[in-house]
Amino acid sequence: MYLTKEVKAEIFKKHGGSEGNTGSTEGQVALFTHRINHLTQHLKKNHKDYNTERSLVKLVGKRRSLLDYLKKKDIEKYRSLIKELNIRK
């Protein structure tokens, strides 16, 4: 499996402040970005996998909503996060 417990803990430790802080907006955006990158690679090989494509679109929408929230709350955290994760917009 591509997303193990250790990988999740490392993502939240790096972006969320601690391993236990799984509810932070920055940590969730980083986790969604990791999952989006994985699904994108999967779809490059399996271009007719429409269920995965639908999941990817929903995940991108969730990430966009969290980024919009973060932009309203703290514009500096938003800018640093999109720069660090290489997200467009």
PDB file of N, CA and C in Angstrom:
ATOM      1  N   MET A   1       0.844  -1.184   0.000  1.00  0.00           N
ATOM      2  CA  MET A   1       0.000   0.000   0.000  1.00  0.00           C
ATOM      3  C   MET A   1       0.883   1.240   0.000  1.00  0.00           C
ATOM      4  N   TYR A   2       0.474   2.236  -0.739  1.00  0.00           N
ATOM      5  CA  TYR A   2       1.298   3.426  -0.906  1.00  0.00           C
ATOM      6  C   TYR A   2       1.234   4.368   0.287  1.00  0.00           C
ATOM      7  N   LEU A   3       0.174   4.305   1.080  1.00  0.00           N
ATOM      8  CA  LEU A   3      -0.003   5.241   2.181  1.00  0.00           C
ATOM      9  C   LEU A   3      -0.023   4.466   3.495  1.00  0.00           C
ATOM     10  N   THR A   4       1.147   4.215   4.035  1.00  0.00           N
ATOM     11  CA  THR A   4       1.256   3.467   5.276  1.00  0.00           C
ATOM     12  C   THR A   4       1.109   4.401   6.467  1.00  0.00           C
ATOM     13  N   LYS A   5       1.021   3.802   7.624  1.00  0.00           N
ATOM     14  CA  LYS A   5       0.886   4.563   8.860  1.00  0.00           C
ATOM     15  C   LYS A   5       2.090   5.486   9.070  1.00  0.00           C
ATOM     16  N   GLU A   6       3.271   4.988   8.734  1.00  0.00           N
ATOM     17  CA  GLU A   6       4.498   5.767   8.913  1.00  0.00           C
ATOM     18  C   GLU A   6       4.540   6.963   7.964  1.00  0.00           C
ATOM     19  N   VAL A   7       4.075   6.762   6.733  1.00  0.00           N
ATOM     20  CA  VAL A   7       4.061   7.860   5.758  1.00  0.00           C
ATOM     21  C   VAL A   7       3.101   8.953   6.218  1.00  0.00           C
ATOM     22  N   LYS A   8       1.933   8.550   6.695  1.00  0.00           N
ATOM     23  CA  LYS A   8       0.966   9.529   7.208  1.00  0.00           C
ATOM     24  C   LYS A   8       1.534  10.309   8.384  1.00  0.00           C
ATOM     25  N   ALA A   9       2.161   9.587   9.316  1.00  0.00           N
ATOM     26  CA  ALA A   9       2.743  10.231  10.495  1.00  0.00           C
ATOM     27  C   ALA A   9       3.815  11.218  10.086  1.00  0.00           C
ATOM     28  N   GLU A  10       4.615  10.874   9.098  1.00  0.00           N
ATOM     29  CA  GLU A  10       5.679  11.764   8.639  1.00  0.00           C
ATOM     30  C   GLU A  10       5.094  13.017   7.977  1.00  0.00           C
ATOM     31  N   ILE A  11       4.028  12.848   7.189  1.00  0.00           N
ATOM     32  CA  ILE A  11       3.388  13.993   6.538  1.00  0.00           C
ATOM     33  C   ILE A  11       2.819  14.948   7.584  1.00  0.00           C
ATOM     34  N   PHE A  12       2.118  14.408   8.582  1.00  0.00           N
ATOM     35  CA  PHE A  12       1.520  15.273   9.601  1.00  0.00           C
ATOM     36  C   PHE A  12       2.581  15.891  10.509  1.00  0.00           C
ATOM     37  N   LYS A  13       3.671  15.185  10.724  1.00  0.00           N
ATOM     38  CA  LYS A  13       4.751  15.737  11.539  1.00  0.00           C
ATOM     39  C   LYS A  13       5.400  16.923  10.833  1.00  0.00           C
ATOM     40  N   LYS A  14       5.567  16.789   9.517  1.00  0.00           N
ATOM     41  CA  LYS A  14       6.212  17.838   8.738  1.00  0.00           C
ATOM     42  C   LYS A  14       5.306  19.053   8.547  1.00  0.00           C
ATOM     43  N   HIS A  15       4.035  18.823   8.250  1.00  0.00           N
ATOM     44  CA  HIS A  15       3.136  19.924   7.897  1.00  0.00           C
ATOM     45  C   HIS A  15       2.145  20.294   8.995  1.00  0.00           C
ATOM     46  N   GLY A  16       1.786  19.350   9.865  1.00  0.00           N
ATOM     47  CA  GLY A  16       0.769  19.616  10.863  1.00  0.00           C
ATOM     48  C   GLY A  16       1.317  20.014  12.218  1.00  0.00           C
ATOM     49  N   GLY A  17       2.634  19.935  12.387  1.00  0.00           N
ATOM     50  CA  GLY A  17       3.228  20.302  13.661  1.00  0.00           C
ATOM     51  C   GLY A  17       3.612  19.099  14.497  1.00  0.00           C
ATOM     52  N   SER A  18       2.747  18.090  14.548  1.00  0.00           N
ATOM     53  CA  SER A  18       3.048  16.867  15.276  1.00  0.00           C
ATOM     54  C   SER A  18       2.300  15.708  14.619  1.00  0.00           C
ATOM     55  N   GLU A  19       2.688  14.493  15.004  1.00  0.00           N
ATOM     56  CA  GLU A  19       2.052  13.315  14.410  1.00  0.00           C
ATOM     57  C   GLU A  19       0.585  13.201  14.806  1.00  0.00           C
ATOM     58  N   GLY A  20       0.248  13.676  16.000  1.00  0.00           N
ATOM     59  CA  GLY A  20      -1.115  13.551  16.494  1.00  0.00           C
ATOM     60  C   GLY A  20      -2.052  14.632  16.006  1.00  0.00           C
ATOM     61  N   ASN A  21      -1.505  15.674  15.398  1.00  0.00           N
ATOM     62  CA  ASN A  21      -2.319  16.799  14.947  1.00  0.00           C
ATOM     63  C   ASN A  21      -2.829  16.526  13.530  1.00  0.00           C
ATOM     64  N   THR A  22      -3.726  15.549  13.416  1.00  0.00           N
ATOM     65  CA  THR A  22      -4.213  15.154  12.095  1.00  0.00           C
ATOM     66  C   THR A  22      -5.336  16.049  11.584  1.00  0.00           C
ATOM     67  N   GLY A  23      -5.808  16.954  12.385  1.00  0.00           N
ATOM     68  CA  GLY A  23      -6.910  17.814  11.962  1.00  0.00           C
ATOM     69  C   GLY A  23      -6.472  19.152  11.427  1.00  0.00           C
ATOM     70  N   SER A  24      -5.174  19.439  11.437  1.00  0.00           N
ATOM     71  CA  SER A  24      -4.712  20.735  10.964  1.00  0.00           C
ATOM     72  C   SER A  24      -4.946  20.855   9.462  1.00  0.00           C
ATOM     73  N   THR A  25      -5.287  22.039   9.044  1.00  0.00           N
ATOM     74  CA  THR A  25      -5.572  22.280   7.638  1.00  0.00           C
ATOM     75  C   THR A  25      -4.340  22.005   6.780  1.00  0.00           C
ATOM     76  N   GLU A  26      -3.180  22.443   7.247  1.00  0.00           N
ATOM     77  CA  GLU A  26      -1.956  22.255   6.480  1.00  0.00           C
ATOM     78  C   GLU A  26      -1.639  20.766   6.311  1.00  0.00           C
ATOM     79  N   GLY A  27      -1.813  20.000   7.372  1.00  0.00           N
ATOM     80  CA  GLY A  27      -1.559  18.561   7.303  1.00  0.00           C
ATOM     81  C   GLY A  27      -2.508  17.846   6.367  1.00  0.00           C
ATOM     82  N   GLN A  28      -3.784  18.236   6.410  1.00  0.00           N
ATOM     83  CA  GLN A  28      -4.766  17.603   5.533  1.00  0.00           C
ATOM     84  C   GLN A  28      -4.486  17.935   4.070  1.00  0.00           C
ATOM     85  N   VAL A  29      -4.104  19.181   3.795  1.00  0.00           N
ATOM     86  CA  VAL A  29      -3.786  19.569   2.423  1.00  0.00           C
ATOM     87  C   VAL A  29      -2.570  18.788   1.935  1.00  0.00           C
ATOM     88  N   ALA A  30      -1.577  18.621   2.783  1.00  0.00           N
ATOM     89  CA  ALA A  30      -0.382  17.855   2.404  1.00  0.00           C
ATOM     90  C   ALA A  30      -0.736  16.392   2.140  1.00  0.00           C
ATOM     91  N   LEU A  31      -1.600  15.815   2.963  1.00  0.00           N
ATOM     92  CA  LEU A  31      -2.022  14.429   2.760  1.00  0.00           C
ATOM     93  C   LEU A  31      -2.811  14.292   1.459  1.00  0.00           C
ATOM     94  N   PHE A  32      -3.727  15.207   1.207  1.00  0.00           N
ATOM     95  CA  PHE A  32      -4.490  15.177  -0.038  1.00  0.00           C
ATOM     96  C   PHE A  32      -3.562  15.317  -1.239  1.00  0.00           C
ATOM     97  N   THR A  33      -2.552  16.164  -1.131  1.00  0.00           N
ATOM     98  CA  THR A  33      -1.612  16.353  -2.232  1.00  0.00           C
ATOM     99  C   THR A  33      -0.848  15.066  -2.508  1.00  0.00           C
ATOM    100  N   HIS A  34      -0.442  14.382  -1.452  1.00  0.00           N
ATOM    101  CA  HIS A  34       0.245  13.098  -1.616  1.00  0.00           C
ATOM    102  C   HIS A  34      -0.658  12.095  -2.335  1.00  0.00           C
ATOM    103  N   ARG A  35      -1.910  12.021  -1.921  1.00  0.00           N
ATOM    104  CA  ARG A  35      -2.860  11.095  -2.545  1.00  0.00           C
ATOM    105  C   ARG A  35      -3.148  11.492  -3.993  1.00  0.00           C
ATOM    106  N   ILE A  36      -3.270  12.786  -4.269  1.00  0.00           N
ATOM    107  CA  ILE A  36      -3.539  13.273  -5.627  1.00  0.00           C
ATOM    108  C   ILE A  36      -2.381  12.914  -6.549  1.00  0.00           C
ATOM    109  N   ASN A  37      -1.164  13.084  -6.073  1.00  0.00           N
ATOM    110  CA  ASN A  37      -0.001  12.740  -6.890  1.00  0.00           C
ATOM    111  C   ASN A  37       0.019  11.247  -7.204  1.00  0.00           C
ATOM    112  N   HIS A  38      -0.325  10.422  -6.218  1.00  0.00           N
ATOM    113  CA  HIS A  38      -0.361   8.972  -6.441  1.00  0.00           C
ATOM    114  C   HIS A  38      -1.440   8.608  -7.468  1.00  0.00           C
ATOM    115  N   LEU A  39      -2.630   9.167  -7.323  1.00  0.00           N
ATOM    116  CA  LEU A  39      -3.714   8.851  -8.253  1.00  0.00           C
ATOM    117  C   LEU A  39      -3.407   9.350  -9.665  1.00  0.00           C
ATOM    118  N   THR A  40      -2.711  10.474  -9.769  1.00  0.00           N
ATOM    119  CA  THR A  40      -2.338  10.998 -11.078  1.00  0.00           C
ATOM    120  C   THR A  40      -1.397  10.044 -11.790  1.00  0.00           C
ATOM    121  N   GLN A  41      -0.421   9.511 -11.044  1.00  0.00           N
ATOM    122  CA  GLN A  41       0.494   8.530 -11.633  1.00  0.00           C
ATOM    123  C   GLN A  41      -0.257   7.265 -12.057  1.00  0.00           C
ATOM    124  N   HIS A  42      -1.220   6.850 -11.255  1.00  0.00           N
ATOM    125  CA  HIS A  42      -2.020   5.669 -11.579  1.00  0.00           C
ATOM    126  C   HIS A  42      -2.809   5.901 -12.875  1.00  0.00           C
ATOM    127  N   LEU A  43      -3.379   7.093 -13.025  1.00  0.00           N
ATOM    128  CA  LEU A  43      -4.199   7.369 -14.200  1.00  0.00           C
ATOM    129  C   LEU A  43      -3.367   7.525 -15.466  1.00  0.00           C
ATOM    130  N   LYS A  44      -2.089   7.837 -15.330  1.00  0.00           N
ATOM    131  CA  LYS A  44      -1.244   7.897 -16.518  1.00  0.00           C
ATOM    132  C   LYS A  44      -1.073   6.509 -17.133  1.00  0.00           C
ATOM    133  N   LYS A  45      -1.075   5.493 -16.294  1.00  0.00           N
ATOM    134  CA  LYS A  45      -0.933   4.117 -16.778  1.00  0.00           C
ATOM    135  C   LYS A  45      -2.281   3.508 -17.148  1.00  0.00           C
ATOM    136  N   ASN A  46      -3.332   3.871 -16.397  1.00  0.00           N
ATOM    137  CA  ASN A  46      -4.662   3.280 -16.566  1.00  0.00           C
ATOM    138  C   ASN A  46      -5.665   4.381 -16.916  1.00  0.00           C
ATOM    139  N   HIS A  47      -5.598   4.855 -18.131  1.00  0.00           N
ATOM    140  CA  HIS A  47      -6.400   6.018 -18.507  1.00  0.00           C
ATOM    141  C   HIS A  47      -7.904   5.740 -18.601  1.00  0.00           C
ATOM    142  N   LYS A  48      -8.311   4.494 -18.602  1.00  0.00           N
ATOM    143  CA  LYS A  48      -9.743   4.185 -18.657  1.00  0.00           C
ATOM    144  C   LYS A  48     -10.341   3.862 -17.291  1.00  0.00           C
ATOM    145  N   ASP A  49      -9.607   4.109 -16.217  1.00  0.00           N
ATOM    146  CA  ASP A  49     -10.092   3.833 -14.870  1.00  0.00           C
ATOM    147  C   ASP A  49     -10.929   5.042 -14.415  1.00  0.00           C
ATOM    148  N   TYR A  50     -12.198   5.024 -14.749  1.00  0.00           N
ATOM    149  CA  TYR A  50     -13.052   6.186 -14.520  1.00  0.00           C
ATOM    150  C   TYR A  50     -13.419   6.365 -13.054  1.00  0.00           C
ATOM    151  N   ASN A  51     -13.455   5.297 -12.279  1.00  0.00           N
ATOM    152  CA  ASN A  51     -13.740   5.425 -10.853  1.00  0.00           C
ATOM    153  C   ASN A  51     -12.615   6.180 -10.149  1.00  0.00           C
ATOM    154  N   THR A  52     -11.391   5.877 -10.501  1.00  0.00           N
ATOM    155  CA  THR A  52     -10.258   6.592  -9.920  1.00  0.00           C
ATOM    156  C   THR A  52     -10.257   8.042 -10.374  1.00  0.00           C
ATOM    157  N   GLU A  53     -10.635   8.265 -11.613  1.00  0.00           N
ATOM    158  CA  GLU A  53     -10.700   9.635 -12.126  1.00  0.00           C
ATOM    159  C   GLU A  53     -11.720  10.466 -11.341  1.00  0.00           C
ATOM    160  N   ARG A  54     -12.855   9.863 -11.052  1.00  0.00           N
ATOM    161  CA  ARG A  54     -13.890  10.550 -10.270  1.00  0.00           C
ATOM    162  C   ARG A  54     -13.387  10.839  -8.860  1.00  0.00           C
ATOM    163  N   SER A  55     -12.703   9.870  -8.254  1.00  0.00           N
ATOM    164  CA  SER A  55     -12.141  10.066  -6.914  1.00  0.00           C
ATOM    165  C   SER A  55     -11.117  11.181  -6.915  1.00  0.00           C
ATOM    166  N   LEU A  56     -10.317  11.242  -7.957  1.00  0.00           N
ATOM    167  CA  LEU A  56      -9.308  12.291  -8.066  1.00  0.00           C
ATOM    168  C   LEU A  56      -9.948  13.672  -8.140  1.00  0.00           C
ATOM    169  N   VAL A  57     -10.998  13.788  -8.922  1.00  0.00           N
ATOM    170  CA  VAL A  57     -11.681  15.078  -9.060  1.00  0.00           C
ATOM    171  C   VAL A  57     -12.292  15.508  -7.722  1.00  0.00           C
ATOM    172  N   LYS A  58     -12.885  14.565  -6.993  1.00  0.00           N
ATOM    173  CA  LYS A  58     -13.462  14.885  -5.687  1.00  0.00           C
ATOM    174  C   LYS A  58     -12.381  15.296  -4.694  1.00  0.00           C
ATOM    175  N   LEU A  59     -11.245  14.626  -4.742  1.00  0.00           N
ATOM    176  CA  LEU A  59     -10.144  14.928  -3.838  1.00  0.00           C
ATOM    177  C   LEU A  59      -9.559  16.304  -4.128  1.00  0.00           C
ATOM    178  N   VAL A  60      -9.449  16.648  -5.389  1.00  0.00           N
ATOM    179  CA  VAL A  60      -8.948  17.973  -5.763  1.00  0.00           C
ATOM    180  C   VAL A  60      -9.919  19.044  -5.270  1.00  0.00           C
ATOM    181  N   GLY A  61     -11.214  18.785  -5.335  1.00  0.00           N
ATOM    182  CA  GLY A  61     -12.207  19.730  -4.836  1.00  0.00           C
ATOM    183  C   GLY A  61     -12.117  19.924  -3.331  1.00  0.00           C
ATOM    184  N   LYS A  62     -11.896  18.827  -2.604  1.00  0.00           N
ATOM    185  CA  LYS A  62     -11.732  18.928  -1.148  1.00  0.00           C
ATOM    186  C   LYS A  62     -10.496  19.744  -0.802  1.00  0.00           C
ATOM    187  N   ARG A  63      -9.399  19.476  -1.523  1.00  0.00           N
ATOM    188  CA  ARG A  63      -8.168  20.218  -1.258  1.00  0.00           C
ATOM    189  C   ARG A  63      -8.360  21.694  -1.567  1.00  0.00           C
ATOM    190  N   ARG A  64      -9.075  21.987  -2.648  1.00  0.00           N
ATOM    191  CA  ARG A  64      -9.318  23.383  -3.018  1.00  0.00           C
ATOM    192  C   ARG A  64     -10.123  24.091  -1.928  1.00  0.00           C
ATOM    193  N   SER A  65     -11.130  23.413  -1.358  1.00  0.00           N
ATOM    194  CA  SER A  65     -11.938  23.991  -0.293  1.00  0.00           C
ATOM    195  C   SER A  65     -11.085  24.297   0.933  1.00  0.00           C
ATOM    196  N   LEU A  66     -10.212  23.362   1.301  1.00  0.00           N
ATOM    197  CA  LEU A  66      -9.338  23.590   2.454  1.00  0.00           C
ATOM    198  C   LEU A  66      -8.363  24.730   2.190  1.00  0.00           C
ATOM    199  N   LEU A  67      -7.855  24.816   0.962  1.00  0.00           N
ATOM    200  CA  LEU A  67      -6.936  25.909   0.631  1.00  0.00           C
ATOM    201  C   LEU A  67      -7.648  27.258   0.650  1.00  0.00           C
ATOM    202  N   ASP A  68      -8.903  27.290   0.189  1.00  0.00           N
ATOM    203  CA  ASP A  68      -9.673  28.537   0.250  1.00  0.00           C
ATOM    204  C   ASP A  68      -9.894  28.970   1.693  1.00  0.00           C
ATOM    205  N   TYR A  69     -10.191  28.004   2.563  1.00  0.00           N
ATOM    206  CA  TYR A  69     -10.362  28.296   3.990  1.00  0.00           C
ATOM    207  C   TYR A  69      -9.070  28.842   4.580  1.00  0.00           C
ATOM    208  N   LEU A  70      -7.958  28.200   4.267  1.00  0.00           N
ATOM    209  CA  LEU A  70      -6.672  28.633   4.794  1.00  0.00           C
ATOM    210  C   LEU A  70      -6.303  30.022   4.276  1.00  0.00           C
ATOM    211  N   LYS A  71      -6.671  30.293   3.040  1.00  0.00           N
ATOM    212  CA  LYS A  71      -6.394  31.611   2.455  1.00  0.00           C
ATOM    213  C   LYS A  71      -7.159  32.709   3.187  1.00  0.00           C
ATOM    214  N   LYS A  72      -8.408  32.408   3.586  1.00  0.00           N
ATOM    215  CA  LYS A  72      -9.193  33.380   4.342  1.00  0.00           C
ATOM    216  C   LYS A  72      -8.635  33.603   5.738  1.00  0.00           C
ATOM    217  N   LYS A  73      -8.183  32.503   6.376  1.00  0.00           N
ATOM    218  CA  LYS A  73      -7.732  32.585   7.767  1.00  0.00           C
ATOM    219  C   LYS A  73      -6.328  33.158   7.903  1.00  0.00           C
ATOM    220  N   ASP A  74      -5.381  32.662   7.103  1.00  0.00           N
ATOM    221  CA  ASP A  74      -3.985  33.074   7.244  1.00  0.00           C
ATOM    222  C   ASP A  74      -3.301  33.019   5.882  1.00  0.00           C
ATOM    223  N   ILE A  75      -3.190  34.177   5.233  1.00  0.00           N
ATOM    224  CA  ILE A  75      -2.675  34.237   3.872  1.00  0.00           C
ATOM    225  C   ILE A  75      -1.203  33.839   3.803  1.00  0.00           C
ATOM    226  N   GLU A  76      -0.435  34.100   4.849  1.00  0.00           N
ATOM    227  CA  GLU A  76       0.987  33.755   4.833  1.00  0.00           C
ATOM    228  C   GLU A  76       1.194  32.238   4.880  1.00  0.00           C
ATOM    229  N   LYS A  77       0.422  31.541   5.719  1.00  0.00           N
ATOM    230  CA  LYS A  77       0.508  30.073   5.765  1.00  0.00           C
ATOM    231  C   LYS A  77       0.094  29.484   4.426  1.00  0.00           C
ATOM    232  N   TYR A  78      -0.939  30.074   3.821  1.00  0.00           N
ATOM    233  CA  TYR A  78      -1.417  29.618   2.519  1.00  0.00           C
ATOM    234  C   TYR A  78      -0.310  29.722   1.474  1.00  0.00           C
ATOM    235  N   ARG A  79       0.332  30.877   1.412  1.00  0.00           N
ATOM    236  CA  ARG A  79       1.380  31.095   0.410  1.00  0.00           C
ATOM    237  C   ARG A  79       2.568  30.166   0.623  1.00  0.00           C
ATOM    238  N   SER A  80       2.959  29.985   1.875  1.00  0.00           N
ATOM    239  CA  SER A  80       4.105  29.114   2.135  1.00  0.00           C
ATOM    240  C   SER A  80       3.761  27.652   1.827  1.00  0.00           C
ATOM    241  N   LEU A  81       2.523  27.248   2.102  1.00  0.00           N
ATOM    242  CA  LEU A  81       2.116  25.862   1.858  1.00  0.00           C
ATOM    243  C   LEU A  81       2.057  25.544   0.369  1.00  0.00           C
ATOM    244  N   ILE A  82       1.469  26.424  -0.433  1.00  0.00           N
ATOM    245  CA  ILE A  82       1.391  26.129  -1.864  1.00  0.00           C
ATOM    246  C   ILE A  82       2.771  26.182  -2.505  1.00  0.00           C
ATOM    247  N   LYS A  83       3.652  27.004  -1.971  1.00  0.00           N
ATOM    248  CA  LYS A  83       5.023  27.036  -2.480  1.00  0.00           C
ATOM    249  C   LYS A  83       5.764  25.751  -2.130  1.00  0.00           C
ATOM    250  N   GLU A  84       5.586  25.284  -0.907  1.00  0.00           N
ATOM    251  CA  GLU A  84       6.279  24.088  -0.427  1.00  0.00           C
ATOM    252  C   GLU A  84       5.778  22.824  -1.133  1.00  0.00           C
ATOM    253  N   LEU A  85       4.478  22.753  -1.412  1.00  0.00           N
ATOM    254  CA  LEU A  85       3.886  21.556  -2.026  1.00  0.00           C
ATOM    255  C   LEU A  85       3.843  21.641  -3.543  1.00  0.00           C
ATOM    256  N   ASN A  86       4.286  22.761  -4.100  1.00  0.00           N
ATOM    257  CA  ASN A  86       4.269  22.973  -5.566  1.00  0.00           C
ATOM    258  C   ASN A  86       2.867  22.852  -6.142  1.00  0.00           C
ATOM    259  N   ILE A  87       1.926  23.552  -5.539  1.00  0.00           N
ATOM    260  CA  ILE A  87       0.536  23.569  -6.011  1.00  0.00           C
ATOM    261  C   ILE A  87       0.345  24.844  -6.816  1.00  0.00           C
ATOM    262  N   ARG A  88      -0.311  24.713  -7.944  1.00  0.00           N
ATOM    263  CA  ARG A  88      -0.586  25.896  -8.733  1.00  0.00           C
ATOM    264  C   ARG A  88      -1.709  26.714  -8.106  1.00  0.00           C
ATOM    265  N   LYS A  89      -1.751  28.012  -8.437  1.00  0.00           N
ATOM    266  CA  LYS A  89      -2.737  29.001  -7.996  1.00  0.00           C
ATOM    267  C   LYS A  89      -2.393  29.647  -6.715  1.00  0.00           C
TER     268      LYS A  89
END
